[in-house]
Amino acid sequence: MSIEEIVVEKIRKLPPRKQQEVLEFVESLKKKKKTGPLKPLRSAEGLWADLGFEITEEDIAEARREMWGGFQKSTES
């Protein structure tokens, strides 16, 4: 049995209101804009490459220390 036949069989078993909902859903699928392939994601470094500055490992480590400095480490294991 094809997908189309299965879908038609299941739709026929639905009450008219649910059949209307299926029709509206199918119409909404037809209206959706077809999208092409997704653009590849850029790394954070690629995002700021043309801004003329460099972020080093030490910069990142310092930012982490500043963000997490107020949190106490758990002594429970």
PDB file of N, CA and C in Angstrom:
ATOM      1  N   MET A   1       0.856  -1.179   0.000  1.00  0.00           N
ATOM      2  CA  MET A   1       0.000   0.000   0.000  1.00  0.00           C
ATOM      3  C   MET A   1       0.901   1.240   0.000  1.00  0.00           C
ATOM      4  N   SER A   2       0.598   2.207  -0.840  1.00  0.00           N
ATOM      5  CA  SER A   2       1.406   3.425  -0.932  1.00  0.00           C
ATOM      6  C   SER A   2       1.065   4.381   0.211  1.00  0.00           C
ATOM      7  N   ILE A   3       1.922   5.346   0.408  1.00  0.00           N
ATOM      8  CA  ILE A   3       1.685   6.356   1.444  1.00  0.00           C
ATOM      9  C   ILE A   3       0.379   7.090   1.150  1.00  0.00           C
ATOM     10  N   GLU A   4       0.164   7.419  -0.114  1.00  0.00           N
ATOM     11  CA  GLU A   4      -1.059   8.129  -0.488  1.00  0.00           C
ATOM     12  C   GLU A   4      -2.305   7.320  -0.108  1.00  0.00           C
ATOM     13  N   GLU A   5      -2.277   6.040  -0.390  1.00  0.00           N
ATOM     14  CA  GLU A   5      -3.421   5.179  -0.068  1.00  0.00           C
ATOM     15  C   GLU A   5      -3.647   5.094   1.443  1.00  0.00           C
ATOM     16  N   ILE A   6      -2.564   5.007   2.196  1.00  0.00           N
ATOM     17  CA  ILE A   6      -2.672   4.942   3.656  1.00  0.00           C
ATOM     18  C   ILE A   6      -3.269   6.241   4.196  1.00  0.00           C
ATOM     19  N   VAL A   7      -2.780   7.371   3.693  1.00  0.00           N
ATOM     20  CA  VAL A   7      -3.270   8.672   4.151  1.00  0.00           C
ATOM     21  C   VAL A   7      -4.754   8.826   3.819  1.00  0.00           C
ATOM     22  N   VAL A   8      -5.135   8.491   2.596  1.00  0.00           N
ATOM     23  CA  VAL A   8      -6.540   8.609   2.184  1.00  0.00           C
ATOM     24  C   VAL A   8      -7.419   7.723   3.059  1.00  0.00           C
ATOM     25  N   GLU A   9      -6.961   6.516   3.324  1.00  0.00           N
ATOM     26  CA  GLU A   9      -7.731   5.592   4.166  1.00  0.00           C
ATOM     27  C   GLU A   9      -7.939   6.172   5.567  1.00  0.00           C
ATOM     28  N   LYS A  10      -6.898   6.735   6.126  1.00  0.00           N
ATOM     29  CA  LYS A  10      -6.991   7.305   7.476  1.00  0.00           C
ATOM     30  C   LYS A  10      -7.862   8.555   7.495  1.00  0.00           C
ATOM     31  N   ILE A  11      -7.765   9.382   6.447  1.00  0.00           N
ATOM     32  CA  ILE A  11      -8.582  10.594   6.373  1.00  0.00           C
ATOM     33  C   ILE A  11     -10.058  10.243   6.277  1.00  0.00           C
ATOM     34  N   ARG A  12     -10.374   9.229   5.526  1.00  0.00           N
ATOM     35  CA  ARG A  12     -11.781   8.817   5.364  1.00  0.00           C
ATOM     36  C   ARG A  12     -12.411   8.407   6.694  1.00  0.00           C
ATOM     37  N   LYS A  13     -11.602   7.940   7.624  1.00  0.00           N
ATOM     38  CA  LYS A  13     -12.110   7.494   8.925  1.00  0.00           C
ATOM     39  C   LYS A  13     -12.306   8.654   9.898  1.00  0.00           C
ATOM     40  N   LEU A  14     -11.839   9.839   9.525  1.00  0.00           N
ATOM     41  CA  LEU A  14     -11.958  10.999  10.404  1.00  0.00           C
ATOM     42  C   LEU A  14     -13.321  11.661  10.241  1.00  0.00           C
ATOM     43  N   PRO A  15     -13.787  12.333  11.309  1.00  0.00           N
ATOM     44  CA  PRO A  15     -15.016  13.120  11.163  1.00  0.00           C
ATOM     45  C   PRO A  15     -14.749  14.327  10.258  1.00  0.00           C
ATOM     46  N   PRO A  16     -15.808  14.904   9.671  1.00  0.00           N
ATOM     47  CA  PRO A  16     -15.632  16.020   8.724  1.00  0.00           C
ATOM     48  C   PRO A  16     -14.780  17.177   9.258  1.00  0.00           C
ATOM     49  N   ARG A  17     -14.928  17.540  10.518  1.00  0.00           N
ATOM     50  CA  ARG A  17     -14.148  18.664  11.064  1.00  0.00           C
ATOM     51  C   ARG A  17     -12.655  18.343  11.047  1.00  0.00           C
ATOM     52  N   LYS A  18     -12.312  17.111  11.397  1.00  0.00           N
ATOM     53  CA  LYS A  18     -10.894  16.718  11.377  1.00  0.00           C
ATOM     54  C   LYS A  18     -10.375  16.635   9.943  1.00  0.00           C
ATOM     55  N   GLN A  19     -11.227  16.216   9.003  1.00  0.00           N
ATOM     56  CA  GLN A  19     -10.828  16.195   7.602  1.00  0.00           C
ATOM     57  C   GLN A  19     -10.517  17.618   7.130  1.00  0.00           C
ATOM     58  N   GLN A  20     -11.325  18.583   7.589  1.00  0.00           N
ATOM     59  CA  GLN A  20     -11.079  19.987   7.246  1.00  0.00           C
ATOM     60  C   GLN A  20      -9.733  20.448   7.794  1.00  0.00           C
ATOM     61  N   GLU A  21      -9.410  20.036   9.022  1.00  0.00           N
ATOM     62  CA  GLU A  21      -8.117  20.397   9.613  1.00  0.00           C
ATOM     63  C   GLU A  21      -6.965  19.823   8.801  1.00  0.00           C
ATOM     64  N   VAL A  22      -7.129  18.588   8.342  1.00  0.00           N
ATOM     65  CA  VAL A  22      -6.091  17.964   7.507  1.00  0.00           C
ATOM     66  C   VAL A  22      -5.920  18.755   6.223  1.00  0.00           C
ATOM     67  N   LEU A  23      -7.035  19.134   5.606  1.00  0.00           N
ATOM     68  CA  LEU A  23      -6.969  19.918   4.377  1.00  0.00           C
ATOM     69  C   LEU A  23      -6.247  21.242   4.607  1.00  0.00           C
ATOM     70  N   GLU A  24      -6.574  21.930   5.691  1.00  0.00           N
ATOM     71  CA  GLU A  24      -5.917  23.203   6.006  1.00  0.00           C
ATOM     72  C   GLU A  24      -4.421  23.003   6.238  1.00  0.00           C
ATOM     73  N   PHE A  25      -4.072  21.912   6.892  1.00  0.00           N
ATOM     74  CA  PHE A  25      -2.651  21.627   7.130  1.00  0.00           C
ATOM     75  C   PHE A  25      -1.921  21.390   5.810  1.00  0.00           C
ATOM     76  N   VAL A  26      -2.530  20.599   4.937  1.00  0.00           N
ATOM     77  CA  VAL A  26      -1.910  20.322   3.636  1.00  0.00           C
ATOM     78  C   VAL A  26      -1.747  21.615   2.847  1.00  0.00           C
ATOM     79  N   GLU A  27      -2.762  22.469   2.880  1.00  0.00           N
ATOM     80  CA  GLU A  27      -2.672  23.763   2.186  1.00  0.00           C
ATOM     81  C   GLU A  27      -1.538  24.606   2.757  1.00  0.00           C
ATOM     82  N   SER A  28      -1.375  24.585   4.079  1.00  0.00           N
ATOM     83  CA  SER A  28      -0.299  25.370   4.689  1.00  0.00           C
ATOM     84  C   SER A  28       1.068  24.823   4.277  1.00  0.00           C
ATOM     85  N   LEU A  29       1.168  23.505   4.118  1.00  0.00           N
ATOM     86  CA  LEU A  29       2.434  22.919   3.660  1.00  0.00           C
ATOM     87  C   LEU A  29       2.752  23.368   2.234  1.00  0.00           C
ATOM     88  N   LYS A  30       1.739  23.442   1.396  1.00  0.00           N
ATOM     89  CA  LYS A  30       1.946  23.865   0.015  1.00  0.00           C
ATOM     90  C   LYS A  30       2.398  25.314  -0.060  1.00  0.00           C
ATOM     91  N   LYS A  31       1.946  26.147   0.879  1.00  0.00           N
ATOM     92  CA  LYS A  31       2.269  27.579   0.853  1.00  0.00           C
ATOM     93  C   LYS A  31       3.646  27.886   1.415  1.00  0.00           C
ATOM     94  N   LYS A  32       4.191  26.973   2.210  1.00  0.00           N
ATOM     95  CA  LYS A  32       5.490  27.239   2.819  1.00  0.00           C
ATOM     96  C   LYS A  32       6.537  27.467   1.743  1.00  0.00           C
ATOM     97  N   LYS A  33       7.380  28.451   2.003  1.00  0.00           N
ATOM     98  CA  LYS A  33       8.443  28.775   1.062  1.00  0.00           C
ATOM     99  C   LYS A  33       9.442  27.623   1.034  1.00  0.00           C
ATOM    100  N   LYS A  34       9.776  27.220  -0.162  1.00  0.00           N
ATOM    101  CA  LYS A  34      10.780  26.171  -0.311  1.00  0.00           C
ATOM    102  C   LYS A  34      12.144  26.794  -0.085  1.00  0.00           C
ATOM    103  N   THR A  35      12.906  26.181   0.782  1.00  0.00           N
ATOM    104  CA  THR A  35      14.221  26.724   1.089  1.00  0.00           C
ATOM    105  C   THR A  35      15.290  25.862   0.451  1.00  0.00           C
ATOM    106  N   GLY A  36      16.359  26.502   0.080  1.00  0.00           N
ATOM    107  CA  GLY A  36      17.485  25.799  -0.484  1.00  0.00           C
ATOM    108  C   GLY A  36      18.357  25.252   0.632  1.00  0.00           C
ATOM    109  N   PRO A  37      19.544  24.862   0.288  1.00  0.00           N
ATOM    110  CA  PRO A  37      20.448  24.344   1.308  1.00  0.00           C
ATOM    111  C   PRO A  37      20.779  25.427   2.341  1.00  0.00           C
ATOM    112  N   LEU A  38      20.961  25.005   3.567  1.00  0.00           N
ATOM    113  CA  LEU A  38      21.279  25.949   4.632  1.00  0.00           C
ATOM    114  C   LEU A  38      22.676  26.507   4.448  1.00  0.00           C
ATOM    115  N   LYS A  39      22.838  27.763   4.857  1.00  0.00           N
ATOM    116  CA  LYS A  39      24.157  28.368   4.814  1.00  0.00           C
ATOM    117  C   LYS A  39      25.027  27.712   5.877  1.00  0.00           C
ATOM    118  N   PRO A  40      26.287  27.485   5.567  1.00  0.00           N
ATOM    119  CA  PRO A  40      27.154  26.911   6.597  1.00  0.00           C
ATOM    120  C   PRO A  40      27.337  27.901   7.745  1.00  0.00           C
ATOM    121  N   LEU A  41      27.414  27.376   8.944  1.00  0.00           N
ATOM    122  CA  LEU A  41      27.614  28.229  10.110  1.00  0.00           C
ATOM    123  C   LEU A  41      29.036  28.760  10.126  1.00  0.00           C
ATOM    124  N   ARG A  42      29.187  29.990  10.612  1.00  0.00           N
ATOM    125  CA  ARG A  42      30.521  30.568  10.744  1.00  0.00           C
ATOM    126  C   ARG A  42      30.955  30.440  12.191  1.00  0.00           C
ATOM    127  N   SER A  43      32.210  30.205  12.383  1.00  0.00           N
ATOM    128  CA  SER A  43      32.740  30.138  13.740  1.00  0.00           C
ATOM    129  C   SER A  43      32.738  31.537  14.333  1.00  0.00           C
ATOM    130  N   ALA A  44      32.844  31.620  15.652  1.00  0.00           N
ATOM    131  CA  ALA A  44      32.909  32.924  16.309  1.00  0.00           C
ATOM    132  C   ALA A  44      34.104  33.714  15.773  1.00  0.00           C
ATOM    133  N   GLU A  45      35.191  33.030  15.562  1.00  0.00           N
ATOM    134  CA  GLU A  45      36.384  33.696  15.030  1.00  0.00           C
ATOM    135  C   GLU A  45      36.094  34.269  13.640  1.00  0.00           C
ATOM    136  N   GLY A  46      35.347  33.538  12.838  1.00  0.00           N
ATOM    137  CA  GLY A  46      34.989  34.024  11.511  1.00  0.00           C
ATOM    138  C   GLY A  46      34.073  35.235  11.570  1.00  0.00           C
ATOM    139  N   LEU A  47      33.243  35.305  12.595  1.00  0.00           N
ATOM    140  CA  LEU A  47      32.318  36.424  12.723  1.00  0.00           C
ATOM    141  C   LEU A  47      33.036  37.734  13.006  1.00  0.00           C
ATOM    142  N   TRP A  48      34.135  37.684  13.765  1.00  0.00           N
ATOM    143  CA  TRP A  48      34.831  38.937  14.091  1.00  0.00           C
ATOM    144  C   TRP A  48      36.124  39.115  13.290  1.00  0.00           C
ATOM    145  N   ALA A  49      36.352  38.268  12.297  1.00  0.00           N
ATOM    146  CA  ALA A  49      37.604  38.305  11.537  1.00  0.00           C
ATOM    147  C   ALA A  49      37.861  39.667  10.892  1.00  0.00           C
ATOM    148  N   ASP A  50      36.819  40.327  10.415  1.00  0.00           N
ATOM    149  CA  ASP A  50      37.019  41.604   9.722  1.00  0.00           C
ATOM    150  C   ASP A  50      36.959  42.808  10.657  1.00  0.00           C
ATOM    151  N   LEU A  51      36.904  42.588  11.972  1.00  0.00           N
ATOM    152  CA  LEU A  51      36.821  43.700  12.916  1.00  0.00           C
ATOM    153  C   LEU A  51      38.191  44.168  13.406  1.00  0.00           C
ATOM    154  N   GLY A  52      39.231  43.453  13.065  1.00  0.00           N
ATOM    155  CA  GLY A  52      40.586  43.911  13.362  1.00  0.00           C
ATOM    156  C   GLY A  52      41.076  43.661  14.778  1.00  0.00           C
ATOM    157  N   PHE A  53      40.571  42.649  15.461  1.00  0.00           N
ATOM    158  CA  PHE A  53      41.131  42.299  16.758  1.00  0.00           C
ATOM    159  C   PHE A  53      41.154  40.781  16.902  1.00  0.00           C
ATOM    160  N   GLU A  54      41.957  40.346  17.841  1.00  0.00           N
ATOM    161  CA  GLU A  54      42.148  38.917  18.030  1.00  0.00           C
ATOM    162  C   GLU A  54      41.833  38.558  19.479  1.00  0.00           C
ATOM    163  N   ILE A  55      41.134  37.470  19.672  1.00  0.00           N
ATOM    164  CA  ILE A  55      40.842  36.988  21.020  1.00  0.00           C
ATOM    165  C   ILE A  55      41.726  35.776  21.264  1.00  0.00           C
ATOM    166  N   THR A  56      42.505  35.849  22.324  1.00  0.00           N
ATOM    167  CA  THR A  56      43.443  34.776  22.635  1.00  0.00           C
ATOM    168  C   THR A  56      42.842  33.807  23.647  1.00  0.00           C
ATOM    169  N   GLU A  57      43.523  32.684  23.834  1.00  0.00           N
ATOM    170  CA  GLU A  57      43.116  31.712  24.847  1.00  0.00           C
ATOM    171  C   GLU A  57      43.115  32.362  26.233  1.00  0.00           C
ATOM    172  N   GLU A  58      44.081  33.247  26.480  1.00  0.00           N
ATOM    173  CA  GLU A  58      44.147  33.936  27.768  1.00  0.00           C
ATOM    174  C   GLU A  58      42.947  34.856  27.958  1.00  0.00           C
ATOM    175  N   ASP A  59      42.516  35.529  26.889  1.00  0.00           N
ATOM    176  CA  ASP A  59      41.315  36.373  26.967  1.00  0.00           C
ATOM    177  C   ASP A  59      40.105  35.538  27.371  1.00  0.00           C
ATOM    178  N   ILE A  60      39.976  34.378  26.771  1.00  0.00           N
ATOM    179  CA  ILE A  60      38.850  33.493  27.082  1.00  0.00           C
ATOM    180  C   ILE A  60      38.941  32.999  28.516  1.00  0.00           C
ATOM    181  N   ALA A  61      40.142  32.601  28.945  1.00  0.00           N
ATOM    182  CA  ALA A  61      40.328  32.127  30.315  1.00  0.00           C
ATOM    183  C   ALA A  61      39.991  33.226  31.324  1.00  0.00           C
ATOM    184  N   GLU A  62      40.394  34.450  31.035  1.00  0.00           N
ATOM    185  CA  GLU A  62      40.095  35.571  31.926  1.00  0.00           C
ATOM    186  C   GLU A  62      38.591  35.821  32.005  1.00  0.00           C
ATOM    187  N   ALA A  63      37.922  35.764  30.862  1.00  0.00           N
ATOM    188  CA  ALA A  63      36.468  35.960  30.851  1.00  0.00           C
ATOM    189  C   ALA A  63      35.776  34.869  31.669  1.00  0.00           C
ATOM    190  N   ARG A  64      36.268  33.638  31.558  1.00  0.00           N
ATOM    191  CA  ARG A  64      35.691  32.544  32.350  1.00  0.00           C
ATOM    192  C   ARG A  64      35.900  32.779  33.842  1.00  0.00           C
ATOM    193  N   ARG A  65      37.100  33.228  34.200  1.00  0.00           N
ATOM    194  CA  ARG A  65      37.375  33.491  35.625  1.00  0.00           C
ATOM    195  C   ARG A  65      36.454  34.582  36.154  1.00  0.00           C
ATOM    196  N   GLU A  66      36.239  35.625  35.360  1.00  0.00           N
ATOM    197  CA  GLU A  66      35.357  36.710  35.779  1.00  0.00           C
ATOM    198  C   GLU A  66      33.915  36.225  35.922  1.00  0.00           C
ATOM    199  N   MET A  67      33.459  35.412  34.978  1.00  0.00           N
ATOM    200  CA  MET A  67      32.082  34.934  35.026  1.00  0.00           C
ATOM    201  C   MET A  67      31.846  33.961  36.179  1.00  0.00           C
ATOM    202  N   TRP A  68      32.794  33.075  36.407  1.00  0.00           N
ATOM    203  CA  TRP A  68      32.598  32.005  37.385  1.00  0.00           C
ATOM    204  C   TRP A  68      33.239  32.300  38.726  1.00  0.00           C
ATOM    205  N   GLY A  69      33.913  33.432  38.842  1.00  0.00           N
ATOM    206  CA  GLY A  69      34.630  33.751  40.072  1.00  0.00           C
ATOM    207  C   GLY A  69      33.759  33.839  41.310  1.00  0.00           C
ATOM    208  N   GLY A  70      32.502  34.250  41.160  1.00  0.00           N
ATOM    209  CA  GLY A  70      31.615  34.404  42.299  1.00  0.00           C
ATOM    210  C   GLY A  70      30.983  33.105  42.770  1.00  0.00           C
ATOM    211  N   PHE A  71      31.173  32.035  42.016  1.00  0.00           N
ATOM    212  CA  PHE A  71      30.569  30.760  42.383  1.00  0.00           C
ATOM    213  C   PHE A  71      31.548  29.934  43.201  1.00  0.00           C
ATOM    214  N   GLN A  72      31.049  29.349  44.253  1.00  0.00           N
ATOM    215  CA  GLN A  72      31.892  28.485  45.065  1.00  0.00           C
ATOM    216  C   GLN A  72      31.854  27.074  44.496  1.00  0.00           C
ATOM    217  N   LYS A  73      33.000  26.415  44.567  1.00  0.00           N
ATOM    218  CA  LYS A  73      33.047  25.022  44.129  1.00  0.00           C
ATOM    219  C   LYS A  73      32.408  24.159  45.185  1.00  0.00           C
ATOM    220  N   SER A  74      31.695  23.138  44.738  1.00  0.00           N
ATOM    221  CA  SER A  74      31.055  22.216  45.662  1.00  0.00           C
ATOM    222  C   SER A  74      32.127  21.314  46.283  1.00  0.00           C
ATOM    223  N   THR A  75      32.028  21.099  47.588  1.00  0.00           N
ATOM    224  CA  THR A  75      32.989  20.221  48.265  1.00  0.00           C
ATOM    225  C   THR A  75      32.427  18.814  48.388  1.00  0.00           C
ATOM    226  N   GLU A  76      31.165  18.615  47.932  1.00  0.00           N
ATOM    227  CA  GLU A  76      30.564  17.294  47.986  1.00  0.00           C
ATOM    228  C   GLU A  76      31.019  16.493  46.782  1.00  0.00           C
ATOM    229  N   SER A  77      31.215  15.198  46.990  1.00  0.00           N
ATOM    230  CA  SER A  77      31.598  14.317  45.889  1.00  0.00           C
ATOM    231  C   SER A  77      30.684  13.139  45.803  1.00  0.00           C
TER     232      SER A  77
END
